[in-house]
Amino acid sequence: MGTVIYALCAIASIVCFGLLFRSAVASKQRLIFWTAFCFFLLSIQNIILFIDLTVISQTDLSIWRTSAGFVGCSGLLFALLWESR
């Protein structure tokens, strides 16, 4: 059951990235681009989580998946602060 949930989370974040990126290209707004960037890295985080817990469970990939989420959320925070000026 956990495998299905990890896969669905990865698919949902990939779809969100795709929709946000398409909107960013169409509207040329930087905040939407940074949000798409955040969802791209959250997608990477979910894919690494799926690989870590289901495919190669002998290797600990928690540093890589945490780093991807941290960089994505930090980029979005930077964009929110930058665009608020």
PDB file of N, CA and C in Angstrom:
ATOM      1  N   MET A   1       0.820  -1.197   0.000  1.00  0.00           N
ATOM      2  CA  MET A   1       0.000   0.000   0.000  1.00  0.00           C
ATOM      3  C   MET A   1       0.860   1.256   0.000  1.00  0.00           C
ATOM      4  N   GLY A   2       1.969   1.214   0.738  1.00  0.00           N
ATOM      5  CA  GLY A   2       2.861   2.370   0.786  1.00  0.00           C
ATOM      6  C   GLY A   2       3.453   2.696  -0.573  1.00  0.00           C
ATOM      7  N   THR A   3       3.748   1.668  -1.363  1.00  0.00           N
ATOM      8  CA  THR A   3       4.323   1.873  -2.691  1.00  0.00           C
ATOM      9  C   THR A   3       3.366   2.653  -3.584  1.00  0.00           C
ATOM     10  N   VAL A   4       2.092   2.345  -3.507  1.00  0.00           N
ATOM     11  CA  VAL A   4       1.093   3.035  -4.318  1.00  0.00           C
ATOM     12  C   VAL A   4       0.991   4.502  -3.898  1.00  0.00           C
ATOM     13  N   ILE A   5       1.026   4.750  -2.620  1.00  0.00           N
ATOM     14  CA  ILE A   5       0.925   6.121  -2.118  1.00  0.00           C
ATOM     15  C   ILE A   5       2.143   6.933  -2.530  1.00  0.00           C
ATOM     16  N   TYR A   6       3.348   6.355  -2.421  1.00  0.00           N
ATOM     17  CA  TYR A   6       4.568   7.065  -2.839  1.00  0.00           C
ATOM     18  C   TYR A   6       4.512   7.387  -4.329  1.00  0.00           C
ATOM     19  N   ALA A   7       4.055   6.448  -5.124  1.00  0.00           N
ATOM     20  CA  ALA A   7       3.960   6.670  -6.566  1.00  0.00           C
ATOM     21  C   ALA A   7       2.920   7.743  -6.891  1.00  0.00           C
ATOM     22  N   LEU A   8       1.781   7.715  -6.220  1.00  0.00           N
ATOM     23  CA  LEU A   8       0.747   8.725  -6.469  1.00  0.00           C
ATOM     24  C   LEU A   8       1.206  10.123  -6.056  1.00  0.00           C
ATOM     25  N   CYS A   9       1.947  10.221  -4.965  1.00  0.00           N
ATOM     26  CA  CYS A   9       2.491  11.521  -4.553  1.00  0.00           C
ATOM     27  C   CYS A   9       3.481  12.050  -5.584  1.00  0.00           C
ATOM     28  N   ALA A  10       4.319  11.176  -6.110  1.00  0.00           N
ATOM     29  CA  ALA A  10       5.275  11.588  -7.134  1.00  0.00           C
ATOM     30  C   ALA A  10       4.549  12.032  -8.396  1.00  0.00           C
ATOM     31  N   ILE A  11       3.539  11.297  -8.800  1.00  0.00           N
ATOM     32  CA  ILE A  11       2.779  11.652 -10.003  1.00  0.00           C
ATOM     33  C   ILE A  11       2.048  12.981  -9.806  1.00  0.00           C
ATOM     34  N   ALA A  12       1.473  13.188  -8.643  1.00  0.00           N
ATOM     35  CA  ALA A  12       0.752  14.436  -8.379  1.00  0.00           C
ATOM     36  C   ALA A  12       1.690  15.638  -8.407  1.00  0.00           C
ATOM     37  N   SER A  13       2.873  15.500  -7.828  1.00  0.00           N
ATOM     38  CA  SER A  13       3.801  16.628  -7.841  1.00  0.00           C
ATOM     39  C   SER A  13       4.368  16.873  -9.235  1.00  0.00           C
ATOM     40  N   ILE A  14       4.533  15.832 -10.040  1.00  0.00           N
ATOM     41  CA  ILE A  14       4.981  16.014 -11.423  1.00  0.00           C
ATOM     42  C   ILE A  14       3.906  16.737 -12.240  1.00  0.00           C
ATOM     43  N   VAL A  15       2.642  16.370 -12.034  1.00  0.00           N
ATOM     44  CA  VAL A  15       1.549  17.038 -12.739  1.00  0.00           C
ATOM     45  C   VAL A  15       1.463  18.504 -12.323  1.00  0.00           C
ATOM     46  N   CYS A  16       1.610  18.791 -11.031  1.00  0.00           N
ATOM     47  CA  CYS A  16       1.596  20.182 -10.563  1.00  0.00           C
ATOM     48  C   CYS A  16       2.742  20.970 -11.176  1.00  0.00           C
ATOM     49  N   PHE A  17       3.928  20.361 -11.235  1.00  0.00           N
ATOM     50  CA  PHE A  17       5.058  21.031 -11.876  1.00  0.00           C
ATOM     51  C   PHE A  17       4.753  21.339 -13.334  1.00  0.00           C
ATOM     52  N   GLY A  18       4.220  20.369 -14.053  1.00  0.00           N
ATOM     53  CA  GLY A  18       3.925  20.573 -15.465  1.00  0.00           C
ATOM     54  C   GLY A  18       2.923  21.694 -15.696  1.00  0.00           C
ATOM     55  N   LEU A  19       1.859  21.716 -14.900  1.00  0.00           N
ATOM     56  CA  LEU A  19       0.854  22.762 -15.047  1.00  0.00           C
ATOM     57  C   LEU A  19       1.406  24.137 -14.680  1.00  0.00           C
ATOM     58  N   LEU A  20       2.196  24.195 -13.607  1.00  0.00           N
ATOM     59  CA  LEU A  20       2.789  25.469 -13.215  1.00  0.00           C
ATOM     60  C   LEU A  20       3.808  25.957 -14.232  1.00  0.00           C
ATOM     61  N   PHE A  21       4.609  25.053 -14.778  1.00  0.00           N
ATOM     62  CA  PHE A  21       5.610  25.450 -15.762  1.00  0.00           C
ATOM     63  C   PHE A  21       4.934  25.960 -17.038  1.00  0.00           C
ATOM     64  N   ARG A  22       3.882  25.292 -17.455  1.00  0.00           N
ATOM     65  CA  ARG A  22       3.142  25.742 -18.639  1.00  0.00           C
ATOM     66  C   ARG A  22       2.548  27.131 -18.402  1.00  0.00           C
ATOM     67  N   SER A  23       2.045  27.362 -17.206  1.00  0.00           N
ATOM     68  CA  SER A  23       1.497  28.667 -16.873  1.00  0.00           C
ATOM     69  C   SER A  23       2.591  29.728 -16.790  1.00  0.00           C
ATOM     70  N   ALA A  24       3.756  29.348 -16.281  1.00  0.00           N
ATOM     71  CA  ALA A  24       4.866  30.298 -16.185  1.00  0.00           C
ATOM     72  C   ALA A  24       5.357  30.710 -17.564  1.00  0.00           C
ATOM     73  N   VAL A  25       5.408  29.778 -18.487  1.00  0.00           N
ATOM     74  CA  VAL A  25       5.831  30.095 -19.853  1.00  0.00           C
ATOM     75  C   VAL A  25       4.803  31.001 -20.526  1.00  0.00           C
ATOM     76  N   ALA A  26       3.533  30.734 -20.299  1.00  0.00           N
ATOM     77  CA  ALA A  26       2.483  31.519 -20.947  1.00  0.00           C
ATOM     78  C   ALA A  26       2.376  32.936 -20.379  1.00  0.00           C
ATOM     79  N   SER A  27       2.542  33.069 -19.059  1.00  0.00           N
ATOM     80  CA  SER A  27       2.324  34.368 -18.434  1.00  0.00           C
ATOM     81  C   SER A  27       3.606  35.161 -18.199  1.00  0.00           C
ATOM     82  N   LYS A  28       4.753  34.514 -18.254  1.00  0.00           N
ATOM     83  CA  LYS A  28       6.051  35.147 -18.035  1.00  0.00           C
ATOM     84  C   LYS A  28       6.159  35.815 -16.657  1.00  0.00           C
ATOM     85  N   GLN A  29       5.514  35.228 -15.660  1.00  0.00           N
ATOM     86  CA  GLN A  29       5.612  35.757 -14.302  1.00  0.00           C
ATOM     87  C   GLN A  29       6.640  34.954 -13.521  1.00  0.00           C
ATOM     88  N   ARG A  30       7.510  35.669 -12.833  1.00  0.00           N
ATOM     89  CA  ARG A  30       8.613  35.007 -12.133  1.00  0.00           C
ATOM     90  C   ARG A  30       8.149  34.181 -10.944  1.00  0.00           C
ATOM     91  N   LEU A  31       7.134  34.645 -10.242  1.00  0.00           N
ATOM     92  CA  LEU A  31       6.679  33.911  -9.058  1.00  0.00           C
ATOM     93  C   LEU A  31       6.117  32.546  -9.437  1.00  0.00           C
ATOM     94  N   ILE A  32       5.425  32.473 -10.557  1.00  0.00           N
ATOM     95  CA  ILE A  32       4.919  31.177 -11.010  1.00  0.00           C
ATOM     96  C   ILE A  32       6.089  30.284 -11.423  1.00  0.00           C
ATOM     97  N   PHE A  33       7.118  30.872 -12.019  1.00  0.00           N
ATOM     98  CA  PHE A  33       8.303  30.089 -12.374  1.00  0.00           C
ATOM     99  C   PHE A  33       8.958  29.507 -11.125  1.00  0.00           C
ATOM    100  N   TRP A  34       9.116  30.328 -10.085  1.00  0.00           N
ATOM    101  CA  TRP A  34       9.752  29.832  -8.860  1.00  0.00           C
ATOM    102  C   TRP A  34       8.900  28.771  -8.178  1.00  0.00           C
ATOM    103  N   THR A  35       7.597  28.896  -8.272  1.00  0.00           N
ATOM    104  CA  THR A  35       6.709  27.877  -7.718  1.00  0.00           C
ATOM    105  C   THR A  35       6.854  26.577  -8.501  1.00  0.00           C
ATOM    106  N   ALA A  36       6.972  26.691  -9.828  1.00  0.00           N
ATOM    107  CA  ALA A  36       7.204  25.500 -10.650  1.00  0.00           C
ATOM    108  C   ALA A  36       8.544  24.862 -10.302  1.00  0.00           C
ATOM    109  N   PHE A  37       9.558  25.685 -10.071  1.00  0.00           N
ATOM    110  CA  PHE A  37      10.873  25.183  -9.666  1.00  0.00           C
ATOM    111  C   PHE A  37      10.776  24.420  -8.343  1.00  0.00           C
ATOM    112  N   CYS A  38      10.012  24.972  -7.401  1.00  0.00           N
ATOM    113  CA  CYS A  38       9.816  24.298  -6.115  1.00  0.00           C
ATOM    114  C   CYS A  38       9.128  22.947  -6.320  1.00  0.00           C
ATOM    115  N   PHE A  39       8.097  22.906  -7.135  1.00  0.00           N
ATOM    116  CA  PHE A  39       7.400  21.642  -7.369  1.00  0.00           C
ATOM    117  C   PHE A  39       8.258  20.657  -8.151  1.00  0.00           C
ATOM    118  N   PHE A  40       9.157  21.160  -8.997  1.00  0.00           N
ATOM    119  CA  PHE A  40      10.086  20.266  -9.677  1.00  0.00           C
ATOM    120  C   PHE A  40      10.977  19.557  -8.663  1.00  0.00           C
ATOM    121  N   LEU A  41      11.521  20.320  -7.721  1.00  0.00           N
ATOM    122  CA  LEU A  41      12.382  19.694  -6.710  1.00  0.00           C
ATOM    123  C   LEU A  41      11.581  18.835  -5.734  1.00  0.00           C
ATOM    124  N   LEU A  42      10.350  19.192  -5.457  1.00  0.00           N
ATOM    125  CA  LEU A  42       9.512  18.316  -4.634  1.00  0.00           C
ATOM    126  C   LEU A  42       9.186  17.026  -5.379  1.00  0.00           C
ATOM    127  N   SER A  43       9.069  17.105  -6.700  1.00  0.00           N
ATOM    128  CA  SER A  43       8.892  15.891  -7.504  1.00  0.00           C
ATOM    129  C   SER A  43      10.117  15.006  -7.408  1.00  0.00           C
ATOM    130  N   ILE A  44      11.287  15.628  -7.502  1.00  0.00           N
ATOM    131  CA  ILE A  44      12.538  14.883  -7.358  1.00  0.00           C
ATOM    132  C   ILE A  44      12.598  14.237  -5.979  1.00  0.00           C
ATOM    133  N   GLN A  45      12.187  14.973  -4.959  1.00  0.00           N
ATOM    134  CA  GLN A  45      12.171  14.434  -3.597  1.00  0.00           C
ATOM    135  C   GLN A  45      11.251  13.217  -3.511  1.00  0.00           C
ATOM    136  N   ASN A  46      10.082  13.286  -4.112  1.00  0.00           N
ATOM    137  CA  ASN A  46       9.153  12.158  -4.075  1.00  0.00           C
ATOM    138  C   ASN A  46       9.662  10.967  -4.870  1.00  0.00           C
ATOM    139  N   ILE A  47      10.324  11.221  -5.978  1.00  0.00           N
ATOM    140  CA  ILE A  47      10.903  10.126  -6.760  1.00  0.00           C
ATOM    141  C   ILE A  47      12.021   9.452  -5.983  1.00  0.00           C
ATOM    142  N   ILE A  48      12.865  10.252  -5.330  1.00  0.00           N
ATOM    143  CA  ILE A  48      13.942   9.672  -4.515  1.00  0.00           C
ATOM    144  C   ILE A  48      13.353   8.887  -3.346  1.00  0.00           C
ATOM    145  N   LEU A  49      12.273   9.388  -2.749  1.00  0.00           N
ATOM    146  CA  LEU A  49      11.607   8.651  -1.667  1.00  0.00           C
ATOM    147  C   LEU A  49      11.096   7.312  -2.163  1.00  0.00           C
ATOM    148  N   PHE A  50      10.468   7.296  -3.331  1.00  0.00           N
ATOM    149  CA  PHE A  50       9.973   6.048  -3.909  1.00  0.00           C
ATOM    150  C   PHE A  50      11.125   5.074  -4.149  1.00  0.00           C
ATOM    151  N   ILE A  51      12.213   5.562  -4.721  1.00  0.00           N
ATOM    152  CA  ILE A  51      13.374   4.705  -4.989  1.00  0.00           C
ATOM    153  C   ILE A  51      13.994   4.214  -3.682  1.00  0.00           C
ATOM    154  N   ASP A  52      14.095   5.118  -2.727  1.00  0.00           N
ATOM    155  CA  ASP A  52      14.745   4.776  -1.454  1.00  0.00           C
ATOM    156  C   ASP A  52      13.971   3.707  -0.688  1.00  0.00           C
ATOM    157  N   LEU A  53      12.670   3.815  -0.654  1.00  0.00           N
ATOM    158  CA  LEU A  53      11.891   2.903   0.191  1.00  0.00           C
ATOM    159  C   LEU A  53      11.397   1.652  -0.520  1.00  0.00           C
ATOM    160  N   THR A  54      11.379   1.660  -1.850  1.00  0.00           N
ATOM    161  CA  THR A  54      10.852   0.481  -2.541  1.00  0.00           C
ATOM    162  C   THR A  54      11.871  -0.236  -3.410  1.00  0.00           C
ATOM    163  N   VAL A  55      12.719   0.504  -4.119  1.00  0.00           N
ATOM    164  CA  VAL A  55      13.621  -0.130  -5.080  1.00  0.00           C
ATOM    165  C   VAL A  55      14.914  -0.581  -4.417  1.00  0.00           C
ATOM    166  N   ILE A  56      15.635   0.367  -3.819  1.00  0.00           N
ATOM    167  CA  ILE A  56      16.909   0.024  -3.178  1.00  0.00           C
ATOM    168  C   ILE A  56      16.827   0.367  -1.691  1.00  0.00           C
ATOM    169  N   SER A  57      16.237  -0.485  -0.956  1.00  0.00           N
ATOM    170  CA  SER A  57      16.034  -0.216   0.468  1.00  0.00           C
ATOM    171  C   SER A  57      17.298  -0.419   1.302  1.00  0.00           C
ATOM    172  N   GLN A  58      18.373  -0.928   0.703  1.00  0.00           N
ATOM    173  CA  GLN A  58      19.609  -1.129   1.452  1.00  0.00           C
ATOM    174  C   GLN A  58      20.392   0.174   1.616  1.00  0.00           C
ATOM    175  N   THR A  59      20.195   1.122   0.709  1.00  0.00           N
ATOM    176  CA  THR A  59      20.937   2.374   0.730  1.00  0.00           C
ATOM    177  C   THR A  59      20.051   3.481   1.291  1.00  0.00           C
ATOM    178  N   ASP A  60      20.641   4.323   2.146  1.00  0.00           N
ATOM    179  CA  ASP A  60      19.902   5.425   2.751  1.00  0.00           C
ATOM    180  C   ASP A  60      20.058   6.671   1.880  1.00  0.00           C
ATOM    181  N   LEU A  61      18.979   7.113   1.275  1.00  0.00           N
ATOM    182  CA  LEU A  61      18.991   8.299   0.421  1.00  0.00           C
ATOM    183  C   LEU A  61      18.304   9.485   1.089  1.00  0.00           C
ATOM    184  N   SER A  62      18.185   9.452   2.398  1.00  0.00           N
ATOM    185  CA  SER A  62      17.440  10.508   3.089  1.00  0.00           C
ATOM    186  C   SER A  62      18.120  11.873   2.960  1.00  0.00           C
ATOM    187  N   ILE A  63      19.446  11.908   2.895  1.00  0.00           N
ATOM    188  CA  ILE A  63      20.142  13.188   2.729  1.00  0.00           C
ATOM    189  C   ILE A  63      19.769  13.820   1.394  1.00  0.00           C
ATOM    190  N   TRP A  64      19.735  13.022   0.337  1.00  0.00           N
ATOM    191  CA  TRP A  64      19.431  13.542  -1.004  1.00  0.00           C
ATOM    192  C   TRP A  64      17.996  14.028  -1.108  1.00  0.00           C
ATOM    193  N   ARG A  65      17.061  13.270  -0.563  1.00  0.00           N
ATOM    194  CA  ARG A  65      15.662  13.691  -0.684  1.00  0.00           C
ATOM    195  C   ARG A  65      15.365  14.886   0.211  1.00  0.00           C
ATOM    196  N   THR A  66      15.989  14.960   1.366  1.00  0.00           N
ATOM    197  CA  THR A  66      15.795  16.116   2.234  1.00  0.00           C
ATOM    198  C   THR A  66      16.421  17.361   1.605  1.00  0.00           C
ATOM    199  N   SER A  67      17.566  17.189   0.976  1.00  0.00           N
ATOM    200  CA  SER A  67      18.226  18.318   0.312  1.00  0.00           C
ATOM    201  C   SER A  67      17.378  18.865  -0.832  1.00  0.00           C
ATOM    202  N   ALA A  68      16.775  17.985  -1.598  1.00  0.00           N
ATOM    203  CA  ALA A  68      15.928  18.436  -2.705  1.00  0.00           C
ATOM    204  C   ALA A  68      14.731  19.236  -2.183  1.00  0.00           C
ATOM    205  N   GLY A  69      14.106  18.768  -1.150  1.00  0.00           N
ATOM    206  CA  GLY A  69      12.976  19.497  -0.570  1.00  0.00           C
ATOM    207  C   GLY A  69      13.388  20.818   0.040  1.00  0.00           C
ATOM    208  N   PHE A  70      14.545  20.829   0.692  1.00  0.00           N
ATOM    209  CA  PHE A  70      15.039  22.054   1.317  1.00  0.00           C
ATOM    210  C   PHE A  70      15.368  23.116   0.278  1.00  0.00           C
ATOM    211  N   VAL A  71      16.050  22.716  -0.785  1.00  0.00           N
ATOM    212  CA  VAL A  71      16.407  23.666  -1.834  1.00  0.00           C
ATOM    213  C   VAL A  71      15.153  24.190  -2.533  1.00  0.00           C
ATOM    214  N   GLY A  72      14.200  23.327  -2.787  1.00  0.00           N
ATOM    215  CA  GLY A  72      12.959  23.752  -3.427  1.00  0.00           C
ATOM    216  C   GLY A  72      12.179  24.746  -2.589  1.00  0.00           C
ATOM    217  N   CYS A  73      12.010  24.443  -1.323  1.00  0.00           N
ATOM    218  CA  CYS A  73      11.268  25.353  -0.445  1.00  0.00           C
ATOM    219  C   CYS A  73      12.048  26.640  -0.188  1.00  0.00           C
ATOM    220  N   SER A  74      13.376  26.546  -0.130  1.00  0.00           N
ATOM    221  CA  SER A  74      14.190  27.752   0.033  1.00  0.00           C
ATOM    222  C   SER A  74      14.095  28.650  -1.191  1.00  0.00           C
ATOM    223  N   GLY A  75      14.070  28.046  -2.369  1.00  0.00           N
ATOM    224  CA  GLY A  75      13.905  28.838  -3.586  1.00  0.00           C
ATOM    225  C   GLY A  75      12.562  29.538  -3.624  1.00  0.00           C
ATOM    226  N   LEU A  76      11.519  28.851  -3.198  1.00  0.00           N
ATOM    227  CA  LEU A  76      10.193  29.472  -3.167  1.00  0.00           C
ATOM    228  C   LEU A  76      10.148  30.585  -2.122  1.00  0.00           C
ATOM    229  N   LEU A  77      10.762  30.382  -0.978  1.00  0.00           N
ATOM    230  CA  LEU A  77      10.812  31.428   0.042  1.00  0.00           C
ATOM    231  C   LEU A  77      11.573  32.639  -0.467  1.00  0.00           C
ATOM    232  N   PHE A  78      12.700  32.412  -1.147  1.00  0.00           N
ATOM    233  CA  PHE A  78      13.467  33.495  -1.746  1.00  0.00           C
ATOM    234  C   PHE A  78      12.607  34.272  -2.737  1.00  0.00           C
ATOM    235  N   ALA A  79      11.870  33.564  -3.577  1.00  0.00           N
ATOM    236  CA  ALA A  79      11.029  34.220  -4.581  1.00  0.00           C
ATOM    237  C   ALA A  79       9.921  35.036  -3.923  1.00  0.00           C
ATOM    238  N   LEU A  80       9.322  34.493  -2.878  1.00  0.00           N
ATOM    239  CA  LEU A  80       8.256  35.233  -2.187  1.00  0.00           C
ATOM    240  C   LEU A  80       8.802  36.507  -1.565  1.00  0.00           C
ATOM    241  N   LEU A  81       9.974  36.446  -0.973  1.00  0.00           N
ATOM    242  CA  LEU A  81      10.574  37.630  -0.383  1.00  0.00           C
ATOM    243  C   LEU A  81      11.016  38.612  -1.456  1.00  0.00           C
ATOM    244  N   TRP A  82      11.568  38.120  -2.557  1.00  0.00           N
ATOM    245  CA  TRP A  82      12.054  38.978  -3.626  1.00  0.00           C
ATOM    246  C   TRP A  82      10.905  39.694  -4.332  1.00  0.00           C
ATOM    247  N   GLU A  83       9.806  39.002  -4.559  1.00  0.00           N
ATOM    248  CA  GLU A  83       8.672  39.587  -5.280  1.00  0.00           C
ATOM    249  C   GLU A  83       7.818  40.503  -4.394  1.00  0.00           C
ATOM    250  N   SER A  84       8.014  40.448  -3.093  1.00  0.00           N
ATOM    251  CA  SER A  84       7.197  41.290  -2.208  1.00  0.00           C
ATOM    252  C   SER A  84       7.675  42.732  -2.187  1.00  0.00           C
ATOM    253  N   ARG A  85       8.832  43.002  -2.742  1.00  0.00           N
ATOM    254  CA  ARG A  85       9.354  44.375  -2.739  1.00  0.00           C
ATOM    255  C   ARG A  85       8.624  45.268  -3.661  1.00  0.00           C
TER     256      ARG A  85
END
